[in-house]
Amino acid sequence: METRGRIIIDPDGVVQGFEVLTPPVGRNVSESLRQIQAFQRVRESKGSEATPSGWKPGKMTLKPGIHLVGKVWEVWKTSMAFD
């Protein structure tokens, strides 16, 4: 079976993300770029910030920690992931 996909590799050569799809389903370039921007933000913050689902530049980031375990959606609402 033929597949298509993408791999996001950081400057240190570490795979940060990948996606594999079969040909009938297309890839979303905008989503790939959003994810690259999110990985860049986390890298720039040296891990002190996290980017929730749907995060885009200019939107709030999260401060990782035990206080967020099971409570991300109290801070980051689903509606915030969409423009």
C-alpha atoms as a PDB file:
ATOM      1  CA  MET A   1       0.000   0.000   0.000  1.00  0.00           C
ATOM      2  CA  GLU A   2       1.282   3.452  -0.898  1.00  0.00           C
ATOM      3  CA  THR A   3       1.459   5.988   1.933  1.00  0.00           C
ATOM      4  CA  ARG A   4       2.355   9.630   2.285  1.00  0.00           C
ATOM      5  CA  GLY A   5       3.561  11.493   5.277  1.00  0.00           C
ATOM      6  CA  ARG A   6       5.771  14.071   6.905  1.00  0.00           C
ATOM      7  CA  ILE A   7       8.403  14.081   9.594  1.00  0.00           C
ATOM      8  CA  ILE A   8       9.333  17.094  11.741  1.00  0.00           C
ATOM      9  CA  ILE A   9      12.974  16.928  12.857  1.00  0.00           C
ATOM     10  CA  ASP A  10      14.470  19.565  15.158  1.00  0.00           C
ATOM     11  CA  PRO A  11      17.902  21.182  14.645  1.00  0.00           C
ATOM     12  CA  ASP A  12      19.446  18.538  16.936  1.00  0.00           C
ATOM     13  CA  GLY A  13      18.235  15.755  14.636  1.00  0.00           C
ATOM     14  CA  VAL A  14      15.494  14.583  17.015  1.00  0.00           C
ATOM     15  CA  VAL A  15      12.175  13.540  15.486  1.00  0.00           C
ATOM     16  CA  GLN A  16       9.527  15.734  17.122  1.00  0.00           C
ATOM     17  CA  GLY A  17       6.534  14.634  15.076  1.00  0.00           C
ATOM     18  CA  PHE A  18       5.412  12.495  12.179  1.00  0.00           C
ATOM     19  CA  GLU A  19       2.243  11.690  10.278  1.00  0.00           C
ATOM     20  CA  VAL A  20       1.489   8.897   7.823  1.00  0.00           C
ATOM     21  CA  LEU A  21      -1.599   8.894   5.622  1.00  0.00           C
ATOM     22  CA  THR A  22      -2.918   6.757   2.803  1.00  0.00           C
ATOM     23  CA  PRO A  23      -3.306   8.480  -0.588  1.00  0.00           C
ATOM     24  CA  PRO A  24      -7.078   9.141  -0.410  1.00  0.00           C
ATOM     25  CA  VAL A  25      -6.542  11.592   2.478  1.00  0.00           C
ATOM     26  CA  GLY A  26      -4.580  14.757   1.814  1.00  0.00           C
ATOM     27  CA  ARG A  27      -2.136  16.443   4.131  1.00  0.00           C
ATOM     28  CA  ASN A  28      -2.717  19.948   5.468  1.00  0.00           C
ATOM     29  CA  VAL A  29       0.224  22.270   4.816  1.00  0.00           C
ATOM     30  CA  SER A  30      -1.217  24.941   7.119  1.00  0.00           C
ATOM     31  CA  GLU A  31      -1.349  22.436   9.989  1.00  0.00           C
ATOM     32  CA  SER A  32       2.222  21.326   9.293  1.00  0.00           C
ATOM     33  CA  LEU A  33       3.413  24.949   9.435  1.00  0.00           C
ATOM     34  CA  ARG A  34       1.426  25.566  12.639  1.00  0.00           C
ATOM     35  CA  GLN A  35       3.058  22.568  14.271  1.00  0.00           C
ATOM     36  CA  ILE A  36       6.538  23.697  13.202  1.00  0.00           C
ATOM     37  CA  GLN A  37       5.838  27.122  14.740  1.00  0.00           C
ATOM     38  CA  ALA A  38       4.628  25.429  17.930  1.00  0.00           C
ATOM     39  CA  PHE A  39       7.767  23.268  18.140  1.00  0.00           C
ATOM     40  CA  GLN A  40       9.889  26.385  17.575  1.00  0.00           C
ATOM     41  CA  ARG A  41       8.107  28.226  20.394  1.00  0.00           C
ATOM     42  CA  VAL A  42       8.618  25.360  22.831  1.00  0.00           C
ATOM     43  CA  ARG A  43      12.287  25.094  21.809  1.00  0.00           C
ATOM     44  CA  GLU A  44      12.847  28.853  22.202  1.00  0.00           C
ATOM     45  CA  SER A  45      11.317  28.717  25.683  1.00  0.00           C
ATOM     46  CA  LYS A  46      13.591  25.776  26.562  1.00  0.00           C
ATOM     47  CA  GLY A  47      10.497  23.828  27.584  1.00  0.00           C
ATOM     48  CA  SER A  48       9.127  26.433  29.983  1.00  0.00           C
ATOM     49  CA  GLU A  49       6.101  26.902  27.710  1.00  0.00           C
ATOM     50  CA  ALA A  50       3.761  24.387  26.090  1.00  0.00           C
ATOM     51  CA  THR A  51       1.543  24.950  23.081  1.00  0.00           C
ATOM     52  CA  PRO A  52      -1.944  23.439  23.398  1.00  0.00           C
ATOM     53  CA  SER A  53      -3.933  22.021  20.494  1.00  0.00           C
ATOM     54  CA  GLY A  54      -4.645  24.590  17.828  1.00  0.00           C
ATOM     55  CA  TRP A  55      -2.055  27.020  19.215  1.00  0.00           C
ATOM     56  CA  LYS A  56      -0.853  29.685  16.797  1.00  0.00           C
ATOM     57  CA  PRO A  57       1.669  32.506  17.219  1.00  0.00           C
ATOM     58  CA  GLY A  58       0.109  35.284  19.256  1.00  0.00           C
ATOM     59  CA  LYS A  59      -2.075  32.947  21.301  1.00  0.00           C
ATOM     60  CA  MET A  60      -1.397  32.115  24.932  1.00  0.00           C
ATOM     61  CA  THR A  61       0.935  29.293  25.868  1.00  0.00           C
ATOM     62  CA  LEU A  62       0.748  27.101  28.931  1.00  0.00           C
ATOM     63  CA  LYS A  63       3.270  26.726  31.728  1.00  0.00           C
ATOM     64  CA  PRO A  64       3.848  22.980  32.117  1.00  0.00           C
ATOM     65  CA  GLY A  65       3.572  21.598  35.624  1.00  0.00           C
ATOM     66  CA  ILE A  66       1.678  19.365  37.986  1.00  0.00           C
ATOM     67  CA  HIS A  67      -0.994  22.064  38.344  1.00  0.00           C
ATOM     68  CA  LEU A  68      -2.126  21.377  34.747  1.00  0.00           C
ATOM     69  CA  VAL A  69      -2.464  17.600  35.016  1.00  0.00           C
ATOM     70  CA  GLY A  70      -6.054  16.814  34.068  1.00  0.00           C
ATOM     71  CA  LYS A  71      -6.921  20.524  34.048  1.00  0.00           C
ATOM     72  CA  VAL A  72      -5.642  21.853  30.704  1.00  0.00           C
ATOM     73  CA  TRP A  73      -9.195  22.426  29.488  1.00  0.00           C
ATOM     74  CA  GLU A  74      -9.894  24.682  32.471  1.00  0.00           C
ATOM     75  CA  VAL A  75      -7.264  27.051  31.055  1.00  0.00           C
ATOM     76  CA  TRP A  76      -7.366  26.326  27.308  1.00  0.00           C
ATOM     77  CA  LYS A  77     -10.907  26.150  25.907  1.00  0.00           C
ATOM     78  CA  THR A  78     -11.571  24.248  22.693  1.00  0.00           C
ATOM     79  CA  SER A  79     -12.909  27.419  21.092  1.00  0.00           C
ATOM     80  CA  MET A  80      -9.464  29.009  21.551  1.00  0.00           C
ATOM     81  CA  ALA A  81      -8.033  26.521  19.026  1.00  0.00           C
ATOM     82  CA  PHE A  82     -10.106  27.994  16.208  1.00  0.00           C
ATOM     83  CA  ASP A  83     -10.024  31.426  14.639  1.00  0.00           C
END
